[in-house]
Amino acid sequence: MSLRSLADAAGVRVGTAVTASPLRSEPRYRRTLVTEFNSVTAENEMKWERLHPDPDRWTTDDADLIATTAHDHGMDVRGHTLFWPHLATPDWVTQCTTRTDMLTAVADHCRGAFTRYGDTVARWDVINEPMHWLEGRLADQSWLSVIGPAWPLDVFRVAAETAAELDAAPELWLNVTHADVLSDKQALCIELAQQLLAAGLPLHGIGLQTHCLVPDFIPELPTPEHLAAVVRSVTSLGIEAAITEMDMLADPSPDGLDEQGTHYRELVAAALENPRLTEVTFWGFTDAHTWITEHFGQRAPLLFDEHYQPKPAYEGVADALRHRASLVATEETAT
């Protein structure tokens, strides 16, 4: 069975980041995508700098291709991302000098994105990585200096109000990185979510990226028990959780790939034990197209090799989805 079939049986989304260029030019890429996944995330094509590079100019061809492909094949679309303080924000936004000007730009961007993709994008990562990559503090770019110390609440509020004005109803999410391994980031993530909820803002869920960049960027993998605990800390707030950008560095030897497959199976299964974990998305699906190569070299991070053949990682994820499907079936029988 495909991952897509297993995910459907398990009642979850299994997704992947997608890049427009191979989607447009490589039949194997497109065929594998629509067969194996029921959800897609644009890897870069819906980020502000790519989608809306100037105040009065939108460049939507690549994002439209991804959204249309998903729609035509009955796949969900995760909108990624409206706002990313670290990167992918146009200069005309970061050069704003007043709070009013920056929040007006935020509202205009939300209005355009919600209007164009209202029929295809079911959920948006409103803010991606609101915290420093490896520290438990808010990102300190111009968002903090211009909008103020409560900038995530202000930005989220503008997004929610704009959606309401348009009578749009996408799910609104936070997306965070390394909260699965850094306790101070986990604590701040939960605190930020509590602040949003206390302010009456419609936070639907938190995405845990789960980039397993060991040992090059983070010192160790989360244990399955710890990842499950982090997921519980999110869902205990009464919101959903998702794994949104998973990949894993590996020694590309047979033994290294087998070990990677074991880690994928254990971590995905641990996350999926929680019924409010609604999605597992990988940051790409073939080693032929991955951001990892540029930054870390040939590290075989994904479920399919460069020839689109499934790896032990694929089998590990399939096993985890089968386990989730068995839990669902048991619950249905009991009721």
C-alpha atoms as a PDB file:
ATOM      1  CA  MET A   1       0.000   0.000   0.000  1.00  0.00           C
ATOM      2  CA  SER A   2       1.119   3.578  -0.629  1.00  0.00           C
ATOM      3  CA  LEU A   3       1.769   5.963   2.241  1.00  0.00           C
ATOM      4  CA  ARG A   4      -1.283   7.852   1.074  1.00  0.00           C
ATOM      5  CA  SER A   5      -3.522   4.789   1.435  1.00  0.00           C
ATOM      6  CA  LEU A   6      -2.096   4.013   4.856  1.00  0.00           C
ATOM      7  CA  ALA A   7      -2.567   7.620   5.983  1.00  0.00           C
ATOM      8  CA  ASP A   8      -6.157   7.647   4.761  1.00  0.00           C
ATOM      9  CA  ALA A   9      -6.807   4.488   6.783  1.00  0.00           C
ATOM     10  CA  ALA A  10      -5.128   6.100   9.787  1.00  0.00           C
ATOM     11  CA  GLY A  11      -7.149   9.306   9.492  1.00  0.00           C
ATOM     12  CA  VAL A  12      -4.120  11.578   9.158  1.00  0.00           C
ATOM     13  CA  ARG A  13      -2.400  13.648   6.521  1.00  0.00           C
ATOM     14  CA  VAL A  14       0.912  12.428   5.171  1.00  0.00           C
ATOM     15  CA  GLY A  15       2.525  15.309   3.349  1.00  0.00           C
ATOM     16  CA  THR A  16       5.620  16.551   1.632  1.00  0.00           C
ATOM     17  CA  ALA A  17       7.225  19.822   0.688  1.00  0.00           C
ATOM     18  CA  VAL A  18       7.029  20.369  -3.061  1.00  0.00           C
ATOM     19  CA  THR A  19       9.159  22.398  -5.444  1.00  0.00           C
ATOM     20  CA  ALA A  20       7.614  23.741  -8.638  1.00  0.00           C
ATOM     21  CA  SER A  21      10.535  23.089 -10.989  1.00  0.00           C
ATOM     22  CA  PRO A  22      10.627  19.273 -10.813  1.00  0.00           C
ATOM     23  CA  LEU A  23       6.835  19.198 -10.502  1.00  0.00           C
ATOM     24  CA  ARG A  24       6.719  20.944 -13.862  1.00  0.00           C
ATOM     25  CA  SER A  25       9.494  18.993 -15.606  1.00  0.00           C
ATOM     26  CA  GLU A  26       9.906  15.510 -14.069  1.00  0.00           C
ATOM     27  CA  PRO A  27       7.104  12.962 -14.577  1.00  0.00           C
ATOM     28  CA  ARG A  28       8.561  10.649 -11.893  1.00  0.00           C
ATOM     29  CA  TYR A  29       8.463  13.456  -9.358  1.00  0.00           C
ATOM     30  CA  ARG A  30       4.838  14.267 -10.111  1.00  0.00           C
ATOM     31  CA  ARG A  31       3.782  10.610 -10.237  1.00  0.00           C
ATOM     32  CA  THR A  32       5.404   9.746  -6.909  1.00  0.00           C
ATOM     33  CA  LEU A  33       3.961  12.865  -5.280  1.00  0.00           C
ATOM     34  CA  VAL A  34       0.323  12.222  -6.171  1.00  0.00           C
ATOM     35  CA  THR A  35       0.546   8.489  -5.479  1.00  0.00           C
ATOM     36  CA  GLU A  36       2.215   8.619  -2.071  1.00  0.00           C
ATOM     37  CA  PHE A  37       0.929  11.768  -0.352  1.00  0.00           C
ATOM     38  CA  ASN A  38      -2.421  13.323   0.499  1.00  0.00           C
ATOM     39  CA  SER A  39      -1.057  16.739   1.516  1.00  0.00           C
ATOM     40  CA  VAL A  40       1.477  19.180   0.092  1.00  0.00           C
ATOM     41  CA  THR A  41       3.396  22.200   1.343  1.00  0.00           C
ATOM     42  CA  ALA A  42       5.087  24.611  -1.056  1.00  0.00           C
ATOM     43  CA  GLU A  43       8.747  24.516  -0.046  1.00  0.00           C
ATOM     44  CA  ASN A  44       9.431  28.150  -1.018  1.00  0.00           C
ATOM     45  CA  GLU A  45       6.838  29.250  -3.543  1.00  0.00           C
ATOM     46  CA  MET A  46       4.301  30.626  -1.040  1.00  0.00           C
ATOM     47  CA  LYS A  47       6.813  32.510   1.111  1.00  0.00           C
ATOM     48  CA  TRP A  48       6.300  36.279   1.076  1.00  0.00           C
ATOM     49  CA  GLU A  49       9.453  37.140  -0.849  1.00  0.00           C
ATOM     50  CA  ARG A  50       8.531  34.736  -3.663  1.00  0.00           C
ATOM     51  CA  LEU A  51       4.788  35.277  -3.739  1.00  0.00           C
ATOM     52  CA  HIS A  52       4.508  39.032  -3.143  1.00  0.00           C
ATOM     53  CA  PRO A  53       7.927  40.574  -3.800  1.00  0.00           C
ATOM     54  CA  ASP A  54       6.740  44.193  -4.201  1.00  0.00           C
ATOM     55  CA  PRO A  55       3.809  46.081  -2.659  1.00  0.00           C
ATOM     56  CA  ASP A  56       1.763  45.966  -5.869  1.00  0.00           C
ATOM     57  CA  ARG A  57       3.243  42.864  -7.536  1.00  0.00           C
ATOM     58  CA  TRP A  58       2.392  39.199  -6.994  1.00  0.00           C
ATOM     59  CA  THR A  59       4.254  36.334  -8.705  1.00  0.00           C
ATOM     60  CA  THR A  60       1.981  33.344  -8.378  1.00  0.00           C
ATOM     61  CA  ASP A  61       2.723  30.968 -11.278  1.00  0.00           C
ATOM     62  CA  ASP A  62       4.759  28.467  -9.234  1.00  0.00           C
ATOM     63  CA  ALA A  63       2.474  28.571  -6.223  1.00  0.00           C
ATOM     64  CA  ASP A  64      -0.550  28.219  -8.503  1.00  0.00           C
ATOM     65  CA  LEU A  65       0.985  25.115 -10.097  1.00  0.00           C
ATOM     66  CA  ILE A  66       1.396  23.453  -6.703  1.00  0.00           C
ATOM     67  CA  ALA A  67      -2.090  24.435  -5.533  1.00  0.00           C
ATOM     68  CA  THR A  68      -3.722  23.303  -8.777  1.00  0.00           C
ATOM     69  CA  THR A  69      -1.887  19.973  -8.796  1.00  0.00           C
ATOM     70  CA  ALA A  70      -3.024  19.318  -5.244  1.00  0.00           C
ATOM     71  CA  HIS A  71      -6.604  20.286  -6.023  1.00  0.00           C
ATOM     72  CA  ASP A  72      -6.711  18.085  -9.121  1.00  0.00           C
ATOM     73  CA  HIS A  73      -5.508  15.066  -7.147  1.00  0.00           C
ATOM     74  CA  GLY A  74      -7.593  15.516  -4.016  1.00  0.00           C
ATOM     75  CA  MET A  75      -4.695  16.622  -1.826  1.00  0.00           C
ATOM     76  CA  ASP A  76      -4.730  19.126   1.024  1.00  0.00           C
ATOM     77  CA  VAL A  77      -2.482  22.195   0.854  1.00  0.00           C
ATOM     78  CA  ARG A  78      -0.620  23.672   3.802  1.00  0.00           C
ATOM     79  CA  GLY A  79       0.134  27.341   3.144  1.00  0.00           C
ATOM     80  CA  HIS A  80       3.743  27.986   4.075  1.00  0.00           C
ATOM     81  CA  THR A  81       4.267  30.613   5.218  1.00  0.00           C
ATOM     82  CA  LEU A  82       2.642  33.998   5.630  1.00  0.00           C
ATOM     83  CA  PHE A  83       5.418  35.420   7.830  1.00  0.00           C
ATOM     84  CA  TRP A  84       8.974  34.266   8.560  1.00  0.00           C
ATOM     85  CA  PRO A  85      10.998  36.802  10.545  1.00  0.00           C
ATOM     86  CA  HIS A  86      14.366  35.200   9.819  1.00  0.00           C
ATOM     87  CA  LEU A  87      14.189  34.964   6.032  1.00  0.00           C
ATOM     88  CA  ALA A  88      12.007  35.362   2.948  1.00  0.00           C
ATOM     89  CA  THR A  89      10.516  38.727   3.933  1.00  0.00           C
ATOM     90  CA  PRO A  90      10.854  41.373   1.189  1.00  0.00           C
ATOM     91  CA  ASP A  91      13.082  44.369   1.822  1.00  0.00           C
ATOM     92  CA  TRP A  92      10.150  46.747   1.427  1.00  0.00           C
ATOM     93  CA  VAL A  93       8.635  45.176   4.547  1.00  0.00           C
ATOM     94  CA  THR A  94      11.745  44.940   6.724  1.00  0.00           C
ATOM     95  CA  GLN A  95      12.528  48.572   5.853  1.00  0.00           C
ATOM     96  CA  CYS A  96       9.255  49.799   7.357  1.00  0.00           C
ATOM     97  CA  THR A  97      10.022  52.218  10.164  1.00  0.00           C
ATOM     98  CA  THR A  98       6.654  52.431  11.898  1.00  0.00           C
ATOM     99  CA  ARG A  99       4.423  49.852  13.533  1.00  0.00           C
ATOM    100  CA  THR A 100       1.444  51.076  11.501  1.00  0.00           C
ATOM    101  CA  ASP A 101       3.249  50.670   8.174  1.00  0.00           C
ATOM    102  CA  MET A 102       4.470  47.166   8.972  1.00  0.00           C
ATOM    103  CA  LEU A 103       1.106  45.921  10.218  1.00  0.00           C
ATOM    104  CA  THR A 104      -0.563  47.452   7.159  1.00  0.00           C
ATOM    105  CA  ALA A 105       1.831  45.445   4.991  1.00  0.00           C
ATOM    106  CA  VAL A 106       0.973  42.345   7.022  1.00  0.00           C
ATOM    107  CA  ALA A 107      -2.749  42.895   6.462  1.00  0.00           C
ATOM    108  CA  ASP A 108      -2.302  43.505   2.730  1.00  0.00           C
ATOM    109  CA  HIS A 109      -0.279  40.327   2.351  1.00  0.00           C
ATOM    110  CA  CYS A 110      -2.850  38.281   4.274  1.00  0.00           C
ATOM    111  CA  ARG A 111      -5.657  39.728   2.179  1.00  0.00           C
ATOM    112  CA  GLY A 112      -3.997  38.799  -1.099  1.00  0.00           C
ATOM    113  CA  ALA A 113      -2.974  35.300  -0.005  1.00  0.00           C
ATOM    114  CA  PHE A 114      -6.351  34.441   1.527  1.00  0.00           C
ATOM    115  CA  THR A 115      -8.200  35.763  -1.497  1.00  0.00           C
ATOM    116  CA  ARG A 116      -6.158  33.919  -4.113  1.00  0.00           C
ATOM    117  CA  TYR A 117      -5.878  30.599  -2.307  1.00  0.00           C
ATOM    118  CA  GLY A 118      -9.098  30.534  -0.331  1.00  0.00           C
ATOM    119  CA  ASP A 119     -10.402  27.545  -2.266  1.00  0.00           C
ATOM    120  CA  THR A 120      -7.245  25.426  -2.029  1.00  0.00           C
ATOM    121  CA  VAL A 121      -5.228  26.221   1.096  1.00  0.00           C
ATOM    122  CA  ALA A 122      -6.861  24.610   4.121  1.00  0.00           C
ATOM    123  CA  ARG A 123      -4.318  25.797   6.702  1.00  0.00           C
ATOM    124  CA  TRP A 124      -1.674  28.500   6.912  1.00  0.00           C
ATOM    125  CA  ASP A 125       1.491  28.688   8.941  1.00  0.00           C
ATOM    126  CA  VAL A 126       0.832  32.263  10.025  1.00  0.00           C
ATOM    127  CA  ILE A 127       4.267  32.641  11.611  1.00  0.00           C
ATOM    128  CA  ASN A 128       7.170  30.364  10.838  1.00  0.00           C
ATOM    129  CA  GLU A 129       9.963  30.179  13.408  1.00  0.00           C
ATOM    130  CA  PRO A 130       8.977  33.091  15.652  1.00  0.00           C
ATOM    131  CA  MET A 131      11.908  32.202  17.913  1.00  0.00           C
ATOM    132  CA  HIS A 132      15.645  32.168  17.439  1.00  0.00           C
ATOM    133  CA  TRP A 133      16.759  28.934  15.749  1.00  0.00           C
ATOM    134  CA  LEU A 134      18.653  27.496  18.717  1.00  0.00           C
ATOM    135  CA  GLU A 135      17.647  29.697  21.662  1.00  0.00           C
ATOM    136  CA  GLY A 136      14.506  30.155  23.708  1.00  0.00           C
ATOM    137  CA  ARG A 137      13.900  33.793  22.801  1.00  0.00           C
ATOM    138  CA  LEU A 138      11.856  35.599  20.196  1.00  0.00           C
ATOM    139  CA  ALA A 139      13.468  36.394  16.866  1.00  0.00           C
ATOM    140  CA  ASP A 140      15.003  39.865  17.098  1.00  0.00           C
ATOM    141  CA  GLN A 141      14.767  41.094  13.524  1.00  0.00           C
ATOM    142  CA  SER A 142      12.830  44.226  12.520  1.00  0.00           C
ATOM    143  CA  TRP A 143       9.565  42.583  13.595  1.00  0.00           C
ATOM    144  CA  LEU A 144      10.616  43.018  17.214  1.00  0.00           C
ATOM    145  CA  SER A 145      12.125  46.479  16.897  1.00  0.00           C
ATOM    146  CA  VAL A 146       9.326  47.982  14.793  1.00  0.00           C
ATOM    147  CA  ILE A 147       6.159  46.224  15.983  1.00  0.00           C
ATOM    148  CA  GLY A 148       7.230  45.634  19.572  1.00  0.00           C
ATOM    149  CA  PRO A 149       7.819  42.784  22.037  1.00  0.00           C
ATOM    150  CA  ALA A 150       4.342  41.314  21.499  1.00  0.00           C
ATOM    151  CA  TRP A 151       4.793  41.188  17.719  1.00  0.00           C
ATOM    152  CA  PRO A 152       3.674  37.531  17.292  1.00  0.00           C
ATOM    153  CA  LEU A 153       0.314  38.346  18.907  1.00  0.00           C
ATOM    154  CA  ASP A 154      -0.056  41.504  16.822  1.00  0.00           C
ATOM    155  CA  VAL A 155       0.748  39.706  13.566  1.00  0.00           C
ATOM    156  CA  PHE A 156      -1.500  36.758  14.397  1.00  0.00           C
ATOM    157  CA  ARG A 157      -4.317  39.130  15.323  1.00  0.00           C
ATOM    158  CA  VAL A 158      -4.046  40.942  11.986  1.00  0.00           C
ATOM    159  CA  ALA A 159      -4.115  37.618  10.126  1.00  0.00           C
ATOM    160  CA  ALA A 160      -7.186  36.450  12.037  1.00  0.00           C
ATOM    161  CA  GLU A 161      -9.020  39.756  11.576  1.00  0.00           C
ATOM    162  CA  THR A 162      -8.235  39.808   7.853  1.00  0.00           C
ATOM    163  CA  ALA A 163      -9.530  36.261   7.426  1.00  0.00           C
ATOM    164  CA  ALA A 164     -12.717  37.205   9.254  1.00  0.00           C
ATOM    165  CA  GLU A 165     -13.218  40.296   7.082  1.00  0.00           C
ATOM    166  CA  LEU A 166     -12.973  38.107   3.980  1.00  0.00           C
ATOM    167  CA  ASP A 167     -15.244  35.444   5.468  1.00  0.00           C
ATOM    168  CA  ALA A 168     -12.337  33.035   4.984  1.00  0.00           C
ATOM    169  CA  ALA A 169     -11.883  30.098   7.320  1.00  0.00           C
ATOM    170  CA  PRO A 170      -8.402  28.607   6.968  1.00  0.00           C
ATOM    171  CA  GLU A 171      -6.825  27.020  10.000  1.00  0.00           C
ATOM    172  CA  LEU A 172      -4.197  29.347  11.491  1.00  0.00           C
ATOM    173  CA  TRP A 173      -1.029  27.728  12.864  1.00  0.00           C
ATOM    174  CA  LEU A 174       2.331  28.480  14.399  1.00  0.00           C
ATOM    175  CA  ASN A 175       5.290  26.544  12.971  1.00  0.00           C
ATOM    176  CA  VAL A 176       8.374  26.086  15.154  1.00  0.00           C
ATOM    177  CA  THR A 177      11.744  24.426  14.837  1.00  0.00           C
ATOM    178  CA  HIS A 178      13.809  22.421  17.349  1.00  0.00           C
ATOM    179  CA  ALA A 179      11.205  22.699  20.114  1.00  0.00           C
ATOM    180  CA  ASP A 180      11.379  18.906  20.024  1.00  0.00           C
ATOM    181  CA  VAL A 181      14.970  18.921  21.331  1.00  0.00           C
ATOM    182  CA  LEU A 182      15.519  22.270  23.113  1.00  0.00           C
ATOM    183  CA  SER A 183      13.611  22.582  26.375  1.00  0.00           C
ATOM    184  CA  ASP A 184      13.769  26.389  26.535  1.00  0.00           C
ATOM    185  CA  LYS A 185      12.265  26.644  23.049  1.00  0.00           C
ATOM    186  CA  GLN A 186       9.545  24.176  23.972  1.00  0.00           C
ATOM    187  CA  ALA A 187       8.679  26.244  27.048  1.00  0.00           C
ATOM    188  CA  LEU A 188       8.528  29.505  25.095  1.00  0.00           C
ATOM    189  CA  CYS A 189       6.494  27.865  22.339  1.00  0.00           C
ATOM    190  CA  ILE A 190       3.873  26.736  24.851  1.00  0.00           C
ATOM    191  CA  GLU A 191       3.913  30.145  26.553  1.00  0.00           C
ATOM    192  CA  LEU A 192       3.355  31.889  23.214  1.00  0.00           C
ATOM    193  CA  ALA A 193       0.477  29.558  22.366  1.00  0.00           C
ATOM    194  CA  GLN A 194      -1.092  30.228  25.757  1.00  0.00           C
ATOM    195  CA  GLN A 195      -0.838  33.980  25.150  1.00  0.00           C
ATOM    196  CA  LEU A 196      -2.544  33.659  21.766  1.00  0.00           C
ATOM    197  CA  LEU A 197      -5.342  31.553  23.208  1.00  0.00           C
ATOM    198  CA  ALA A 198      -5.772  33.841  26.227  1.00  0.00           C
ATOM    199  CA  ALA A 199      -6.144  36.763  23.804  1.00  0.00           C
ATOM    200  CA  GLY A 200      -9.023  34.943  22.118  1.00  0.00           C
ATOM    201  CA  LEU A 201      -7.094  34.372  18.894  1.00  0.00           C
ATOM    202  CA  PRO A 202      -8.001  31.327  16.770  1.00  0.00           C
ATOM    203  CA  LEU A 203      -4.806  29.301  17.044  1.00  0.00           C
ATOM    204  CA  HIS A 204      -5.675  25.940  15.529  1.00  0.00           C
ATOM    205  CA  GLY A 205      -2.401  24.134  16.112  1.00  0.00           C
ATOM    206  CA  ILE A 206       1.369  24.101  16.363  1.00  0.00           C
ATOM    207  CA  GLY A 207       3.617  22.561  13.749  1.00  0.00           C
ATOM    208  CA  LEU A 208       6.778  20.902  15.040  1.00  0.00           C
ATOM    209  CA  GLN A 209       9.248  20.915  12.184  1.00  0.00           C
ATOM    210  CA  THR A 210      11.419  18.005  13.414  1.00  0.00           C
ATOM    211  CA  HIS A 211      14.453  18.596  11.218  1.00  0.00           C
ATOM    212  CA  CYS A 212      16.747  15.858  12.554  1.00  0.00           C
ATOM    213  CA  LEU A 213      20.065  17.544  11.713  1.00  0.00           C
ATOM    214  CA  VAL A 214      22.302  15.387  13.889  1.00  0.00           C
ATOM    215  CA  PRO A 215      25.153  15.943  14.577  1.00  0.00           C
ATOM    216  CA  ASP A 216      25.774  18.878  12.247  1.00  0.00           C
ATOM    217  CA  PHE A 217      23.282  21.371  13.693  1.00  0.00           C
ATOM    218  CA  ILE A 218      21.718  19.816  16.791  1.00  0.00           C
ATOM    219  CA  PRO A 219      23.526  17.467  19.180  1.00  0.00           C
ATOM    220  CA  GLU A 220      21.083  14.564  19.290  1.00  0.00           C
ATOM    221  CA  LEU A 221      17.791  13.212  18.063  1.00  0.00           C
ATOM    222  CA  PRO A 222      14.751  13.533  20.265  1.00  0.00           C
ATOM    223  CA  THR A 223      13.915  10.225  21.858  1.00  0.00           C
ATOM    224  CA  PRO A 224      10.510   8.823  20.895  1.00  0.00           C
ATOM    225  CA  GLU A 225       9.378   9.356  24.486  1.00  0.00           C
ATOM    226  CA  HIS A 226      10.468  12.987  24.478  1.00  0.00           C
ATOM    227  CA  LEU A 227       8.831  13.714  21.120  1.00  0.00           C
ATOM    228  CA  ALA A 228       5.602  12.181  22.391  1.00  0.00           C
ATOM    229  CA  ALA A 229       5.826  14.396  25.481  1.00  0.00           C
ATOM    230  CA  VAL A 230       6.339  17.521  23.370  1.00  0.00           C
ATOM    231  CA  VAL A 231       3.308  16.617  21.253  1.00  0.00           C
ATOM    232  CA  ARG A 232       1.289  16.157  24.463  1.00  0.00           C
ATOM    233  CA  SER A 233       2.399  19.570  25.722  1.00  0.00           C
ATOM    234  CA  VAL A 234       0.853  21.071  22.588  1.00  0.00           C
ATOM    235  CA  THR A 235      -2.365  19.067  22.484  1.00  0.00           C
ATOM    236  CA  SER A 236      -2.958  19.584  26.212  1.00  0.00           C
ATOM    237  CA  LEU A 237      -3.761  23.189  25.270  1.00  0.00           C
ATOM    238  CA  GLY A 238      -6.804  21.911  23.361  1.00  0.00           C
ATOM    239  CA  ILE A 239      -5.228  22.457  19.920  1.00  0.00           C
ATOM    240  CA  GLU A 240      -3.806  20.157  17.274  1.00  0.00           C
ATOM    241  CA  ALA A 241      -0.198  19.255  16.643  1.00  0.00           C
ATOM    242  CA  ALA A 242       1.567  18.310  13.431  1.00  0.00           C
ATOM    243  CA  ILE A 243       4.996  17.230  12.293  1.00  0.00           C
ATOM    244  CA  THR A 244       5.537  19.700   9.472  1.00  0.00           C
ATOM    245  CA  GLU A 245       9.080  19.570   8.049  1.00  0.00           C
ATOM    246  CA  MET A 246      10.670  16.252   8.919  1.00  0.00           C
ATOM    247  CA  ASP A 247      13.964  15.087   7.428  1.00  0.00           C
ATOM    248  CA  MET A 248      16.946  13.257   8.871  1.00  0.00           C
ATOM    249  CA  LEU A 249      20.657  13.310   8.105  1.00  0.00           C
ATOM    250  CA  ALA A 250      22.126   9.856   7.524  1.00  0.00           C
ATOM    251  CA  ASP A 251      25.309   8.038   6.622  1.00  0.00           C
ATOM    252  CA  PRO A 252      24.330   6.927   3.094  1.00  0.00           C
ATOM    253  CA  SER A 253      25.765   3.421   3.618  1.00  0.00           C
ATOM    254  CA  PRO A 254      23.381   0.424   3.850  1.00  0.00           C
ATOM    255  CA  ASP A 255      23.837   0.275   7.626  1.00  0.00           C
ATOM    256  CA  GLY A 256      23.328   4.024   7.925  1.00  0.00           C
ATOM    257  CA  LEU A 257      20.124   3.895   5.915  1.00  0.00           C
ATOM    258  CA  ASP A 258      18.819   1.005   8.001  1.00  0.00           C
ATOM    259  CA  GLU A 259      19.505   3.003  11.161  1.00  0.00           C
ATOM    260  CA  GLN A 260      17.743   6.011   9.645  1.00  0.00           C
ATOM    261  CA  GLY A 261      14.728   3.839   8.860  1.00  0.00           C
ATOM    262  CA  THR A 262      14.542   2.701  12.467  1.00  0.00           C
ATOM    263  CA  HIS A 263      14.655   6.281  13.733  1.00  0.00           C
ATOM    264  CA  TYR A 264      11.949   7.368  11.298  1.00  0.00           C
ATOM    265  CA  ARG A 265       9.700   4.504  12.391  1.00  0.00           C
ATOM    266  CA  GLU A 266      10.172   5.141  16.101  1.00  0.00           C
ATOM    267  CA  LEU A 267       9.738   8.917  15.976  1.00  0.00           C
ATOM    268  CA  VAL A 268       6.750   8.961  13.618  1.00  0.00           C
ATOM    269  CA  ALA A 269       5.040   6.170  15.566  1.00  0.00           C
ATOM    270  CA  ALA A 270       5.601   8.029  18.853  1.00  0.00           C
ATOM    271  CA  ALA A 271       4.063  11.202  17.454  1.00  0.00           C
ATOM    272  CA  LEU A 272       1.127   9.353  15.928  1.00  0.00           C
ATOM    273  CA  GLU A 273       0.227   7.756  19.259  1.00  0.00           C
ATOM    274  CA  ASN A 274      -1.476  11.069  20.030  1.00  0.00           C
ATOM    275  CA  PRO A 275      -4.904  11.283  18.361  1.00  0.00           C
ATOM    276  CA  ARG A 276      -4.601  15.075  18.058  1.00  0.00           C
ATOM    277  CA  LEU A 277      -1.453  14.722  15.964  1.00  0.00           C
ATOM    278  CA  THR A 278      -3.139  15.219  12.605  1.00  0.00           C
ATOM    279  CA  GLU A 279      -0.283  15.436  10.102  1.00  0.00           C
ATOM    280  CA  VAL A 280       3.202  14.186   9.344  1.00  0.00           C
ATOM    281  CA  THR A 281       4.875  16.142   6.547  1.00  0.00           C
ATOM    282  CA  PHE A 282       8.395  15.537   5.255  1.00  0.00           C
ATOM    283  CA  TRP A 283      10.556  18.346   3.884  1.00  0.00           C
ATOM    284  CA  GLY A 284      10.716  16.753   0.457  1.00  0.00           C
ATOM    285  CA  PHE A 285      10.452  13.123  -0.499  1.00  0.00           C
ATOM    286  CA  THR A 286      13.343  12.280  -2.827  1.00  0.00           C
ATOM    287  CA  ASP A 287      17.062  12.696  -2.179  1.00  0.00           C
ATOM    288  CA  ALA A 288      17.263  14.055  -5.733  1.00  0.00           C
ATOM    289  CA  HIS A 289      15.648  17.311  -4.535  1.00  0.00           C
ATOM    290  CA  THR A 290      16.462  18.425  -1.017  1.00  0.00           C
ATOM    291  CA  TRP A 291      17.758  21.567   0.660  1.00  0.00           C
ATOM    292  CA  ILE A 292      19.995  19.313   2.744  1.00  0.00           C
ATOM    293  CA  THR A 293      22.490  18.745  -0.087  1.00  0.00           C
ATOM    294  CA  GLU A 294      23.380  22.436  -0.361  1.00  0.00           C
ATOM    295  CA  HIS A 295      23.903  22.851   3.370  1.00  0.00           C
ATOM    296  CA  PHE A 296      25.127  19.465   4.606  1.00  0.00           C
ATOM    297  CA  GLY A 297      26.252  17.490   1.541  1.00  0.00           C
ATOM    298  CA  GLN A 298      25.000  14.088   0.365  1.00  0.00           C
ATOM    299  CA  ARG A 299      23.205  12.879   3.492  1.00  0.00           C
ATOM    300  CA  ALA A 300      20.240  10.909   2.081  1.00  0.00           C
ATOM    301  CA  PRO A 301      17.635  12.620   4.317  1.00  0.00           C
ATOM    302  CA  LEU A 302      14.336  11.570   2.743  1.00  0.00           C
ATOM    303  CA  LEU A 303      12.080   8.567   2.094  1.00  0.00           C
ATOM    304  CA  PHE A 304      13.017   7.916  -1.545  1.00  0.00           C
ATOM    305  CA  ASP A 305      16.517   7.821  -3.017  1.00  0.00           C
ATOM    306  CA  GLU A 306      17.652   9.948  -5.956  1.00  0.00           C
ATOM    307  CA  HIS A 307      16.160   7.355  -8.335  1.00  0.00           C
ATOM    308  CA  TYR A 308      12.759   7.495  -6.622  1.00  0.00           C
ATOM    309  CA  GLN A 309      13.189   4.080  -5.036  1.00  0.00           C
ATOM    310  CA  PRO A 310      11.818   3.676  -1.497  1.00  0.00           C
ATOM    311  CA  LYS A 311      14.419   3.429   1.261  1.00  0.00           C
ATOM    312  CA  PRO A 312      14.265   1.866   4.729  1.00  0.00           C
ATOM    313  CA  ALA A 313      13.001   5.286   5.853  1.00  0.00           C
ATOM    314  CA  TYR A 314       9.920   4.761   3.685  1.00  0.00           C
ATOM    315  CA  GLU A 315       9.255   1.372   5.236  1.00  0.00           C
ATOM    316  CA  GLY A 316       9.729   2.822   8.713  1.00  0.00           C
ATOM    317  CA  VAL A 317       7.107   5.498   8.090  1.00  0.00           C
ATOM    318  CA  ALA A 318       4.765   2.950   6.505  1.00  0.00           C
ATOM    319  CA  ASP A 319       5.045   0.798   9.641  1.00  0.00           C
ATOM    320  CA  ALA A 320       4.233   3.797  11.830  1.00  0.00           C
ATOM    321  CA  LEU A 321       1.158   4.599   9.739  1.00  0.00           C
ATOM    322  CA  ARG A 322       0.021   0.974   9.898  1.00  0.00           C
ATOM    323  CA  HIS A 323       0.262   1.160  13.678  1.00  0.00           C
ATOM    324  CA  ARG A 324      -1.823   4.339  13.770  1.00  0.00           C
ATOM    325  CA  ALA A 325      -4.382   2.707  11.446  1.00  0.00           C
ATOM    326  CA  SER A 326      -4.598  -0.290  13.785  1.00  0.00           C
ATOM    327  CA  LEU A 327      -5.265   2.030  16.732  1.00  0.00           C
ATOM    328  CA  VAL A 328      -8.049   3.731  14.766  1.00  0.00           C
ATOM    329  CA  ALA A 329      -9.583   0.384  13.830  1.00  0.00           C
ATOM    330  CA  THR A 330      -9.465  -0.785  17.450  1.00  0.00           C
ATOM    331  CA  GLU A 331     -11.174   2.399  18.652  1.00  0.00           C
ATOM    332  CA  GLU A 332     -13.892   2.058  15.994  1.00  0.00           C
ATOM    333  CA  THR A 333     -14.520  -1.563  16.980  1.00  0.00           C
ATOM    334  CA  ALA A 334     -14.764  -0.591  20.649  1.00  0.00           C
ATOM    335  CA  THR A 335     -17.426   2.011  19.915  1.00  0.00           C
END
